Amino acid sequence: MPRGLEVGPQVRCCGMAVHRALELLDGWLGHLPPTGRDWLSAALASVAAGDERALFIAFSLAPRKLPRSDLQLSADERRTVTEALPGWRPWRWSLDQVARTRLLLAWPHADPNRYLSTLDRLFAAAGLQELVALYQALALLPHGPLLAKRAAEGVRSSMTVIFESVALDNPYPHAHLDEGAWNQLVLKCLFNGSDLQRVVGFDGRANPALMRQLCGYAHERWAAHRAVDPLLWRGVGRFADAQALHDLERVLGSGSPRERQAAGLALRDCGSAAARAVLAAHPLPSAAAPGAAAWEQLTQAIS
């Protein structure tokens, strides 16, 4: 597979050098059938030479020229991906999605204005699956900080598949969205029933405003006699105020077993004297794992 784009390690995408992304993508695409590999090699050469028309045509044709089967990665390959860019989970991608991302990385990016202008036109012309490919690739693209408004637009999308292409298994929002857009992403996951466990960096982006919004959402669910996702409380614990502690105590007293476990973990995350007092009256099982591992155990039990 031709490189199509020569970059130094200083060019990065969400903390991973672009050249490393190219190595991973090229390795996976090297297993394409010969006809598909030849077609993609020719397309990459034209795109790398700055042929915008070739980029648009190849981006559109990729599913017809290449297999649409899911990307199959071994356990070792998944570990390599995680080490290269924590939170990125491309094993949910299809091969044509990998190829579309590779085309985006082949487009010359030395001039940020030209690069972003071309991306804007791709987004404007894209169909549904093309939009999914574009949003899922955000974490790998150069000039990442300049794409934050585009990512926030995906968060606001009324189409769940578009929203989840930004929100789930994607390191970009954690790295670049501002607090307001991040909080909207988390709340929309709850509204849509999207898996909060797949939101990259959920713990690291917890904040007081989100804590209050999550508690408000829980109150709305309670008022409507509807269940609350236990993972909601993961975003509450670190910044829990007096009202939030009252909500957590309520869950400990009347919630389901999973909800009570989540409330206990949130209180442990809080660590204040008031939280310790509530937790002392409703202790976690002695076998509960520390920190994030406990939340992962809870998630596995829920799923």
C-alpha atoms as a PDB file:
ATOM      1  CA  MET A   1       0.000   0.000   0.000  1.00  0.00           C
ATOM      2  CA  PRO A   2       1.575   3.333  -0.958  1.00  0.00           C
ATOM      3  CA  ARG A   3       2.112   5.733   1.877  1.00  0.00           C
ATOM      4  CA  GLY A   4       0.277   8.529   0.121  1.00  0.00           C
ATOM      5  CA  LEU A   5       1.236  10.931   2.878  1.00  0.00           C
ATOM      6  CA  GLU A   6       4.684  11.500   4.316  1.00  0.00           C
ATOM      7  CA  VAL A   7       4.578  13.045   7.764  1.00  0.00           C
ATOM      8  CA  GLY A   8       6.868  13.400  10.724  1.00  0.00           C
ATOM      9  CA  PRO A   9       6.089  12.240  14.253  1.00  0.00           C
ATOM     10  CA  GLN A  10       5.303  15.818  15.288  1.00  0.00           C
ATOM     11  CA  VAL A  11       1.998  15.677  13.362  1.00  0.00           C
ATOM     12  CA  ARG A  12      -0.442  14.132  15.783  1.00  0.00           C
ATOM     13  CA  CYS A  13      -4.083  13.104  16.013  1.00  0.00           C
ATOM     14  CA  CYS A  14      -5.495  12.936  19.565  1.00  0.00           C
ATOM     15  CA  GLY A  15      -2.046  12.085  20.883  1.00  0.00           C
ATOM     16  CA  MET A  16      -1.060   9.536  18.216  1.00  0.00           C
ATOM     17  CA  ALA A  17       1.354  10.454  15.448  1.00  0.00           C
ATOM     18  CA  VAL A  18      -0.345  10.413  12.059  1.00  0.00           C
ATOM     19  CA  HIS A  19       2.397   8.204  10.654  1.00  0.00           C
ATOM     20  CA  ARG A  20       1.495   5.580  13.284  1.00  0.00           C
ATOM     21  CA  ALA A  21      -2.147   5.705  12.196  1.00  0.00           C
ATOM     22  CA  LEU A  22      -1.011   5.183   8.616  1.00  0.00           C
ATOM     23  CA  GLU A  23       1.041   2.154   9.633  1.00  0.00           C
ATOM     24  CA  LEU A  24      -1.928   0.540  11.355  1.00  0.00           C
ATOM     25  CA  LEU A  25      -4.403   1.264   8.559  1.00  0.00           C
ATOM     26  CA  ASP A  26      -1.999   0.129   5.848  1.00  0.00           C
ATOM     27  CA  GLY A  27      -1.345  -3.094   7.719  1.00  0.00           C
ATOM     28  CA  TRP A  28      -5.045  -3.930   7.848  1.00  0.00           C
ATOM     29  CA  LEU A  29      -5.675  -2.909   4.260  1.00  0.00           C
ATOM     30  CA  GLY A  30      -2.780  -5.037   3.081  1.00  0.00           C
ATOM     31  CA  HIS A  31      -5.076  -8.051   3.463  1.00  0.00           C
ATOM     32  CA  LEU A  32      -7.558  -6.790   0.853  1.00  0.00           C
ATOM     33  CA  PRO A  33      -8.156  -8.933  -2.252  1.00  0.00           C
ATOM     34  CA  PRO A  34      -5.733  -8.028  -5.079  1.00  0.00           C
ATOM     35  CA  THR A  35      -8.342  -6.169  -7.146  1.00  0.00           C
ATOM     36  CA  GLY A  36      -9.433  -4.054  -4.200  1.00  0.00           C
ATOM     37  CA  ARG A  37      -5.848  -3.415  -3.126  1.00  0.00           C
ATOM     38  CA  ASP A  38      -4.889  -2.276  -6.634  1.00  0.00           C
ATOM     39  CA  TRP A  39      -7.900   0.038  -6.860  1.00  0.00           C
ATOM     40  CA  LEU A  40      -7.141   1.610  -3.468  1.00  0.00           C
ATOM     41  CA  SER A  41      -3.434   2.019  -4.265  1.00  0.00           C
ATOM     42  CA  ALA A  42      -4.259   3.936  -7.436  1.00  0.00           C
ATOM     43  CA  ALA A  43      -6.816   6.077  -5.623  1.00  0.00           C
ATOM     44  CA  LEU A  44      -4.376   6.896  -2.815  1.00  0.00           C
ATOM     45  CA  ALA A  45      -1.717   7.966  -5.288  1.00  0.00           C
ATOM     46  CA  SER A  46      -4.127  10.394  -6.976  1.00  0.00           C
ATOM     47  CA  VAL A  47      -5.419  11.747  -3.674  1.00  0.00           C
ATOM     48  CA  ALA A  48      -1.909  12.226  -2.280  1.00  0.00           C
ATOM     49  CA  ALA A  49      -1.090  14.242  -5.416  1.00  0.00           C
ATOM     50  CA  GLY A  50      -3.869  16.694  -4.476  1.00  0.00           C
ATOM     51  CA  ASP A  51      -6.576  15.510  -6.859  1.00  0.00           C
ATOM     52  CA  GLU A  52      -9.734  16.519  -5.015  1.00  0.00           C
ATOM     53  CA  ARG A  53     -12.034  14.944  -7.578  1.00  0.00           C
ATOM     54  CA  ALA A  54     -10.240  11.617  -7.084  1.00  0.00           C
ATOM     55  CA  LEU A  55     -10.792  11.920  -3.323  1.00  0.00           C
ATOM     56  CA  PHE A  56     -14.526  12.491  -3.681  1.00  0.00           C
ATOM     57  CA  ILE A  57     -14.945   9.669  -6.190  1.00  0.00           C
ATOM     58  CA  ALA A  58     -12.890   7.151  -4.209  1.00  0.00           C
ATOM     59  CA  PHE A  59     -14.585   8.087  -0.930  1.00  0.00           C
ATOM     60  CA  SER A  60     -17.967   7.411  -2.534  1.00  0.00           C
ATOM     61  CA  LEU A  61     -16.947   4.223  -4.359  1.00  0.00           C
ATOM     62  CA  ALA A  62     -15.112   2.504  -1.493  1.00  0.00           C
ATOM     63  CA  PRO A  63     -18.042   0.239  -0.441  1.00  0.00           C
ATOM     64  CA  ARG A  64     -18.500  -0.917  -4.034  1.00  0.00           C
ATOM     65  CA  LYS A  65     -14.824  -1.561  -4.685  1.00  0.00           C
ATOM     66  CA  LEU A  66     -13.890  -3.111  -1.354  1.00  0.00           C
ATOM     67  CA  PRO A  67     -15.368  -5.701   1.029  1.00  0.00           C
ATOM     68  CA  ARG A  68     -17.876  -4.374   3.541  1.00  0.00           C
ATOM     69  CA  SER A  69     -16.989  -7.061   6.051  1.00  0.00           C
ATOM     70  CA  ASP A  70     -16.054  -6.110   9.596  1.00  0.00           C
ATOM     71  CA  LEU A  71     -12.436  -5.492  10.440  1.00  0.00           C
ATOM     72  CA  GLN A  72     -11.111  -8.621  12.147  1.00  0.00           C
ATOM     73  CA  LEU A  73      -8.402  -7.877  14.710  1.00  0.00           C
ATOM     74  CA  SER A  74      -6.704 -10.391  16.964  1.00  0.00           C
ATOM     75  CA  ALA A  75      -6.314  -9.801  20.705  1.00  0.00           C
ATOM     76  CA  ASP A  76      -2.697  -8.750  20.124  1.00  0.00           C
ATOM     77  CA  GLU A  77      -3.737  -6.323  17.391  1.00  0.00           C
ATOM     78  CA  ARG A  78      -6.362  -4.808  19.672  1.00  0.00           C
ATOM     79  CA  ARG A  79      -3.745  -4.272  22.359  1.00  0.00           C
ATOM     80  CA  THR A  80      -1.513  -2.570  19.804  1.00  0.00           C
ATOM     81  CA  VAL A  81      -4.352  -0.223  18.845  1.00  0.00           C
ATOM     82  CA  THR A  82      -5.093   0.598  22.478  1.00  0.00           C
ATOM     83  CA  GLU A  83      -1.431   1.333  23.152  1.00  0.00           C
ATOM     84  CA  ALA A  84      -1.257   3.609  20.090  1.00  0.00           C
ATOM     85  CA  LEU A  85      -4.426   5.561  20.895  1.00  0.00           C
ATOM     86  CA  PRO A  86      -6.295   4.703  24.123  1.00  0.00           C
ATOM     87  CA  GLY A  87     -10.048   4.523  23.636  1.00  0.00           C
ATOM     88  CA  TRP A  88      -9.945   4.013  19.877  1.00  0.00           C
ATOM     89  CA  ARG A  89     -11.804   0.789  19.010  1.00  0.00           C
ATOM     90  CA  PRO A  90     -11.734   0.329  15.228  1.00  0.00           C
ATOM     91  CA  TRP A  91     -12.615  -3.356  15.466  1.00  0.00           C
ATOM     92  CA  ARG A  92     -16.208  -2.184  15.183  1.00  0.00           C
ATOM     93  CA  TRP A  93     -15.372  -0.681  11.764  1.00  0.00           C
ATOM     94  CA  SER A  94     -15.827  -2.271   8.346  1.00  0.00           C
ATOM     95  CA  LEU A  95     -13.009  -2.564   5.803  1.00  0.00           C
ATOM     96  CA  ASP A  96     -14.504   0.112   3.568  1.00  0.00           C
ATOM     97  CA  GLN A  97     -14.570   2.429   6.596  1.00  0.00           C
ATOM     98  CA  VAL A  98     -10.856   1.770   7.123  1.00  0.00           C
ATOM     99  CA  ALA A  99     -10.213   2.573   3.459  1.00  0.00           C
ATOM    100  CA  ARG A 100     -12.207   5.808   3.644  1.00  0.00           C
ATOM    101  CA  THR A 101     -10.167   6.887   6.648  1.00  0.00           C
ATOM    102  CA  ARG A 102      -6.974   6.064   4.788  1.00  0.00           C
ATOM    103  CA  LEU A 103      -8.115   8.267   1.902  1.00  0.00           C
ATOM    104  CA  LEU A 104      -8.681  11.157   4.307  1.00  0.00           C
ATOM    105  CA  LEU A 105      -5.171  10.762   5.674  1.00  0.00           C
ATOM    106  CA  ALA A 106      -3.723  10.725   2.159  1.00  0.00           C
ATOM    107  CA  TRP A 107      -5.122  14.169   1.349  1.00  0.00           C
ATOM    108  CA  PRO A 108      -2.330  16.804   1.678  1.00  0.00           C
ATOM    109  CA  HIS A 109      -2.701  18.618   4.972  1.00  0.00           C
ATOM    110  CA  ALA A 110       0.204  21.088   5.133  1.00  0.00           C
ATOM    111  CA  ASP A 111      -2.258  23.946   4.515  1.00  0.00           C
ATOM    112  CA  PRO A 112      -4.912  23.740   7.289  1.00  0.00           C
ATOM    113  CA  ASN A 113      -7.354  25.966   5.414  1.00  0.00           C
ATOM    114  CA  ARG A 114      -7.267  23.823   2.299  1.00  0.00           C
ATOM    115  CA  TYR A 115      -7.500  20.617   4.285  1.00  0.00           C
ATOM    116  CA  LEU A 116     -10.493  21.801   6.296  1.00  0.00           C
ATOM    117  CA  SER A 117     -12.194  23.291   3.246  1.00  0.00           C
ATOM    118  CA  THR A 118     -12.015  19.920   1.511  1.00  0.00           C
ATOM    119  CA  LEU A 119     -13.387  18.179   4.604  1.00  0.00           C
ATOM    120  CA  ASP A 120     -16.258  20.657   4.736  1.00  0.00           C
ATOM    121  CA  ARG A 121     -17.191  19.818   1.156  1.00  0.00           C
ATOM    122  CA  LEU A 122     -16.990  16.092   1.900  1.00  0.00           C
ATOM    123  CA  PHE A 123     -19.324  16.504   4.872  1.00  0.00           C
ATOM    124  CA  ALA A 124     -21.738  18.605   2.799  1.00  0.00           C
ATOM    125  CA  ALA A 125     -21.932  15.999   0.037  1.00  0.00           C
ATOM    126  CA  ALA A 126     -21.897  12.892   2.244  1.00  0.00           C
ATOM    127  CA  GLY A 127     -24.650  10.320   2.548  1.00  0.00           C
ATOM    128  CA  LEU A 128     -25.447   8.604   5.833  1.00  0.00           C
ATOM    129  CA  GLN A 129     -22.691   5.974   5.832  1.00  0.00           C
ATOM    130  CA  GLU A 130     -20.183   8.477   4.492  1.00  0.00           C
ATOM    131  CA  LEU A 131     -21.015  10.771   7.428  1.00  0.00           C
ATOM    132  CA  VAL A 132     -20.500   7.889   9.821  1.00  0.00           C
ATOM    133  CA  ALA A 133     -17.074   7.270   8.283  1.00  0.00           C
ATOM    134  CA  LEU A 134     -16.129  10.933   8.518  1.00  0.00           C
ATOM    135  CA  TYR A 135     -17.173  11.338  12.141  1.00  0.00           C
ATOM    136  CA  GLN A 136     -15.576   8.074  13.254  1.00  0.00           C
ATOM    137  CA  ALA A 137     -12.300   9.173  11.670  1.00  0.00           C
ATOM    138  CA  LEU A 138     -12.075  12.517  13.488  1.00  0.00           C
ATOM    139  CA  ALA A 139      -9.634  11.239  16.099  1.00  0.00           C
ATOM    140  CA  LEU A 140      -7.136  10.275  13.388  1.00  0.00           C
ATOM    141  CA  LEU A 141      -7.194  13.439  11.298  1.00  0.00           C
ATOM    142  CA  PRO A 142      -4.586  16.205  11.392  1.00  0.00           C
ATOM    143  CA  HIS A 143      -5.565  19.649  12.696  1.00  0.00           C
ATOM    144  CA  GLY A 144      -7.738  17.980  15.342  1.00  0.00           C
ATOM    145  CA  PRO A 145      -8.451  21.085  17.465  1.00  0.00           C
ATOM    146  CA  LEU A 146      -9.899  22.812  14.391  1.00  0.00           C
ATOM    147  CA  LEU A 147     -12.531  20.073  13.993  1.00  0.00           C
ATOM    148  CA  ALA A 148     -14.268  20.618  17.345  1.00  0.00           C
ATOM    149  CA  LYS A 149     -17.221  22.518  15.863  1.00  0.00           C
ATOM    150  CA  ARG A 150     -17.718  19.734  13.337  1.00  0.00           C
ATOM    151  CA  ALA A 151     -17.725  17.134  16.122  1.00  0.00           C
ATOM    152  CA  ALA A 152     -20.213  19.194  18.143  1.00  0.00           C
ATOM    153  CA  GLU A 153     -22.473  19.258  15.088  1.00  0.00           C
ATOM    154  CA  GLY A 154     -22.416  15.451  15.078  1.00  0.00           C
ATOM    155  CA  VAL A 155     -23.358  15.427  18.758  1.00  0.00           C
ATOM    156  CA  ARG A 156     -26.418  17.524  17.913  1.00  0.00           C
ATOM    157  CA  SER A 157     -27.519  15.201  15.102  1.00  0.00           C
ATOM    158  CA  SER A 158     -31.027  13.768  15.382  1.00  0.00           C
ATOM    159  CA  MET A 159     -29.829  10.528  13.763  1.00  0.00           C
ATOM    160  CA  THR A 160     -28.610   8.071  16.381  1.00  0.00           C
ATOM    161  CA  VAL A 161     -26.117   6.402  14.040  1.00  0.00           C
ATOM    162  CA  ILE A 162     -24.455   9.764  13.380  1.00  0.00           C
ATOM    163  CA  PHE A 163     -24.471  10.741  17.035  1.00  0.00           C
ATOM    164  CA  GLU A 164     -22.938   7.431  18.098  1.00  0.00           C
ATOM    165  CA  SER A 165     -20.215   7.667  15.459  1.00  0.00           C
ATOM    166  CA  VAL A 166     -18.975  10.704  17.379  1.00  0.00           C
ATOM    167  CA  ALA A 167     -19.897   9.696  20.910  1.00  0.00           C
ATOM    168  CA  LEU A 168     -18.882   6.039  21.183  1.00  0.00           C
ATOM    169  CA  ASP A 169     -15.460   4.373  20.890  1.00  0.00           C
ATOM    170  CA  ASN A 170     -14.085   7.700  19.692  1.00  0.00           C
ATOM    171  CA  PRO A 171     -11.263   9.513  21.544  1.00  0.00           C
ATOM    172  CA  TYR A 172     -11.940  12.803  19.763  1.00  0.00           C
ATOM    173  CA  PRO A 173     -14.690  14.257  22.028  1.00  0.00           C
ATOM    174  CA  HIS A 174     -12.692  13.670  25.214  1.00  0.00           C
ATOM    175  CA  ALA A 175      -9.669  15.391  23.695  1.00  0.00           C
ATOM    176  CA  HIS A 176     -11.296  18.380  22.006  1.00  0.00           C
ATOM    177  CA  LEU A 177     -14.943  19.139  22.855  1.00  0.00           C
ATOM    178  CA  ASP A 178     -15.605  22.032  25.195  1.00  0.00           C
ATOM    179  CA  GLU A 179     -17.444  21.365  28.447  1.00  0.00           C
ATOM    180  CA  GLY A 180     -20.876  22.284  27.131  1.00  0.00           C
ATOM    181  CA  ALA A 181     -20.657  19.993  24.113  1.00  0.00           C
ATOM    182  CA  TRP A 182     -19.176  17.201  26.234  1.00  0.00           C
ATOM    183  CA  ASN A 183     -22.005  17.420  28.757  1.00  0.00           C
ATOM    184  CA  GLN A 184     -24.551  17.392  25.943  1.00  0.00           C
ATOM    185  CA  LEU A 185     -22.912  14.230  24.579  1.00  0.00           C
ATOM    186  CA  VAL A 186     -23.203  12.407  27.916  1.00  0.00           C
ATOM    187  CA  LEU A 187     -26.810  13.442  28.476  1.00  0.00           C
ATOM    188  CA  LYS A 188     -27.768  12.500  24.938  1.00  0.00           C
ATOM    189  CA  CYS A 189     -26.312   9.037  25.491  1.00  0.00           C
ATOM    190  CA  LEU A 190     -28.771   8.645  28.349  1.00  0.00           C
ATOM    191  CA  PHE A 191     -31.700   9.982  26.301  1.00  0.00           C
ATOM    192  CA  ASN A 192     -30.834   7.700  23.371  1.00  0.00           C
ATOM    193  CA  GLY A 193     -30.026   4.643  25.432  1.00  0.00           C
ATOM    194  CA  SER A 194     -26.455   4.664  24.082  1.00  0.00           C
ATOM    195  CA  ASP A 195     -23.847   2.730  26.057  1.00  0.00           C
ATOM    196  CA  LEU A 196     -22.082   5.119  28.442  1.00  0.00           C
ATOM    197  CA  GLN A 197     -19.318   2.572  28.956  1.00  0.00           C
ATOM    198  CA  ARG A 198     -18.243   3.191  25.354  1.00  0.00           C
ATOM    199  CA  VAL A 199     -17.808   6.948  25.902  1.00  0.00           C
ATOM    200  CA  VAL A 200     -14.037   7.395  25.924  1.00  0.00           C
ATOM    201  CA  GLY A 201     -12.721   9.362  28.906  1.00  0.00           C
ATOM    202  CA  PHE A 202     -16.039   9.571  30.762  1.00  0.00           C
ATOM    203  CA  ASP A 203     -14.313   9.710  34.160  1.00  0.00           C
ATOM    204  CA  GLY A 204     -11.705  12.237  33.091  1.00  0.00           C
ATOM    205  CA  ARG A 205     -14.238  14.782  31.828  1.00  0.00           C
ATOM    206  CA  ALA A 206     -16.535  14.707  34.868  1.00  0.00           C
ATOM    207  CA  ASN A 207     -17.374  18.227  36.019  1.00  0.00           C
ATOM    208  CA  PRO A 208     -19.718  20.002  38.460  1.00  0.00           C
ATOM    209  CA  ALA A 209     -22.129  21.205  35.776  1.00  0.00           C
ATOM    210  CA  LEU A 210     -22.489  17.685  34.397  1.00  0.00           C
ATOM    211  CA  MET A 211     -23.035  16.340  37.909  1.00  0.00           C
ATOM    212  CA  ARG A 212     -25.966  18.700  38.405  1.00  0.00           C
ATOM    213  CA  GLN A 213     -27.416  17.895  34.969  1.00  0.00           C
ATOM    214  CA  LEU A 214     -27.193  14.154  35.612  1.00  0.00           C
ATOM    215  CA  CYS A 215     -28.959  14.486  38.956  1.00  0.00           C
ATOM    216  CA  GLY A 216     -31.638  16.595  37.300  1.00  0.00           C
ATOM    217  CA  TYR A 217     -32.104  13.918  34.651  1.00  0.00           C
ATOM    218  CA  ALA A 218     -32.410  11.267  37.378  1.00  0.00           C
ATOM    219  CA  HIS A 219     -35.145  13.319  39.062  1.00  0.00           C
ATOM    220  CA  GLU A 220     -37.036  13.549  35.774  1.00  0.00           C
ATOM    221  CA  ARG A 221     -36.858   9.766  35.391  1.00  0.00           C
ATOM    222  CA  TRP A 222     -38.019   9.218  38.946  1.00  0.00           C
ATOM    223  CA  ALA A 223     -40.936  11.621  38.490  1.00  0.00           C
ATOM    224  CA  ALA A 224     -42.010   9.623  35.437  1.00  0.00           C
ATOM    225  CA  HIS A 225     -41.568   6.325  37.340  1.00  0.00           C
ATOM    226  CA  ARG A 226     -38.871   5.218  34.929  1.00  0.00           C
ATOM    227  CA  ALA A 227     -35.584   3.450  35.612  1.00  0.00           C
ATOM    228  CA  VAL A 228     -32.275   5.302  35.766  1.00  0.00           C
ATOM    229  CA  ASP A 229     -29.180   3.906  34.067  1.00  0.00           C
ATOM    230  CA  PRO A 230     -26.885   2.933  36.977  1.00  0.00           C
ATOM    231  CA  LEU A 231     -23.854   4.242  35.062  1.00  0.00           C
ATOM    232  CA  LEU A 232     -25.293   7.766  35.343  1.00  0.00           C
ATOM    233  CA  TRP A 233     -23.939   7.912  38.883  1.00  0.00           C
ATOM    234  CA  ARG A 234     -20.399   7.420  37.622  1.00  0.00           C
ATOM    235  CA  GLY A 235     -20.505  11.034  36.424  1.00  0.00           C
ATOM    236  CA  VAL A 236     -21.804  12.294  39.761  1.00  0.00           C
ATOM    237  CA  GLY A 237     -19.512  10.961  42.474  1.00  0.00           C
ATOM    238  CA  ARG A 238     -16.361  13.059  42.113  1.00  0.00           C
ATOM    239  CA  PHE A 239     -18.220  16.374  42.324  1.00  0.00           C
ATOM    240  CA  ALA A 240     -21.244  15.360  44.419  1.00  0.00           C
ATOM    241  CA  ASP A 241     -22.718  18.249  46.417  1.00  0.00           C
ATOM    242  CA  ALA A 242     -25.195  17.982  49.275  1.00  0.00           C
ATOM    243  CA  GLN A 243     -28.184  17.438  46.967  1.00  0.00           C
ATOM    244  CA  ALA A 244     -26.323  14.806  44.980  1.00  0.00           C
ATOM    245  CA  LEU A 245     -25.375  12.987  48.187  1.00  0.00           C
ATOM    246  CA  HIS A 246     -29.051  13.006  49.137  1.00  0.00           C
ATOM    247  CA  ASP A 247     -29.901  11.499  45.732  1.00  0.00           C
ATOM    248  CA  LEU A 248     -27.255   8.799  46.166  1.00  0.00           C
ATOM    249  CA  GLU A 249     -28.572   7.966  49.635  1.00  0.00           C
ATOM    250  CA  ARG A 250     -32.038   7.649  48.132  1.00  0.00           C
ATOM    251  CA  VAL A 251     -30.731   5.162  45.569  1.00  0.00           C
ATOM    252  CA  LEU A 252     -29.003   3.164  48.292  1.00  0.00           C
ATOM    253  CA  GLY A 253     -32.288   2.938  50.135  1.00  0.00           C
ATOM    254  CA  SER A 254     -34.675   2.128  47.308  1.00  0.00           C
ATOM    255  CA  GLY A 255     -32.794   1.329  44.097  1.00  0.00           C
ATOM    256  CA  SER A 256     -32.251  -1.979  42.354  1.00  0.00           C
ATOM    257  CA  PRO A 257     -29.172  -4.008  43.367  1.00  0.00           C
ATOM    258  CA  ARG A 258     -27.219  -2.621  40.417  1.00  0.00           C
ATOM    259  CA  GLU A 259     -28.334   0.932  41.158  1.00  0.00           C
ATOM    260  CA  ARG A 260     -27.316   0.556  44.806  1.00  0.00           C
ATOM    261  CA  GLN A 261     -23.929  -0.755  43.779  1.00  0.00           C
ATOM    262  CA  ALA A 262     -23.456   2.187  41.405  1.00  0.00           C
ATOM    263  CA  ALA A 263     -24.486   4.682  44.104  1.00  0.00           C
ATOM    264  CA  GLY A 264     -22.008   3.106  46.498  1.00  0.00           C
ATOM    265  CA  LEU A 265     -19.213   3.380  43.952  1.00  0.00           C
ATOM    266  CA  ALA A 266     -20.101   7.017  43.306  1.00  0.00           C
ATOM    267  CA  LEU A 267     -19.928   7.753  47.030  1.00  0.00           C
ATOM    268  CA  ARG A 268     -16.554   6.058  47.207  1.00  0.00           C
ATOM    269  CA  ASP A 269     -15.362   8.204  44.288  1.00  0.00           C
ATOM    270  CA  CYS A 270     -16.530  11.327  46.108  1.00  0.00           C
ATOM    271  CA  GLY A 271     -14.453  10.681  49.204  1.00  0.00           C
ATOM    272  CA  SER A 272     -15.850  13.573  51.282  1.00  0.00           C
ATOM    273  CA  ALA A 273     -16.610  13.119  54.968  1.00  0.00           C
ATOM    274  CA  ALA A 274     -20.338  13.339  54.220  1.00  0.00           C
ATOM    275  CA  ALA A 275     -20.039  10.699  51.478  1.00  0.00           C
ATOM    276  CA  ARG A 276     -18.074   8.413  53.795  1.00  0.00           C
ATOM    277  CA  ALA A 277     -20.781   8.754  56.411  1.00  0.00           C
ATOM    278  CA  VAL A 278     -23.499   7.713  53.953  1.00  0.00           C
ATOM    279  CA  LEU A 279     -21.353   4.859  52.693  1.00  0.00           C
ATOM    280  CA  ALA A 280     -20.652   3.656  56.214  1.00  0.00           C
ATOM    281  CA  ALA A 281     -24.364   3.049  56.648  1.00  0.00           C
ATOM    282  CA  HIS A 282     -24.564   1.245  53.293  1.00  0.00           C
ATOM    283  CA  PRO A 283     -21.108  -0.341  52.750  1.00  0.00           C
ATOM    284  CA  LEU A 284     -19.965  -1.819  49.471  1.00  0.00           C
ATOM    285  CA  PRO A 285     -19.239  -5.547  49.360  1.00  0.00           C
ATOM    286  CA  SER A 286     -15.724  -6.197  50.605  1.00  0.00           C
ATOM    287  CA  ALA A 287     -14.845  -7.749  47.223  1.00  0.00           C
ATOM    288  CA  ALA A 288     -15.538  -4.536  45.315  1.00  0.00           C
ATOM    289  CA  ALA A 289     -12.604  -3.640  43.090  1.00  0.00           C
ATOM    290  CA  PRO A 290     -10.871  -0.265  43.365  1.00  0.00           C
ATOM    291  CA  GLY A 291     -11.512   2.717  41.090  1.00  0.00           C
ATOM    292  CA  ALA A 292     -12.411   2.225  37.444  1.00  0.00           C
ATOM    293  CA  ALA A 293     -12.164  -1.569  37.736  1.00  0.00           C
ATOM    294  CA  ALA A 294     -15.238  -1.590  39.982  1.00  0.00           C
ATOM    295  CA  TRP A 295     -17.247   0.325  37.390  1.00  0.00           C
ATOM    296  CA  GLU A 296     -16.100  -2.087  34.697  1.00  0.00           C
ATOM    297  CA  GLN A 297     -17.272  -5.014  36.816  1.00  0.00           C
ATOM    298  CA  LEU A 298     -20.638  -3.334  37.261  1.00  0.00           C
ATOM    299  CA  THR A 299     -20.937  -2.667  33.540  1.00  0.00           C
ATOM    300  CA  GLN A 300     -20.230  -6.309  32.736  1.00  0.00           C
ATOM    301  CA  ALA A 301     -22.867  -7.387  35.251  1.00  0.00           C
ATOM    302  CA  ILE A 302     -25.436  -5.019  33.704  1.00  0.00           C
ATOM    303  CA  SER A 303     -24.725  -6.132  30.137  1.00  0.00           C
END
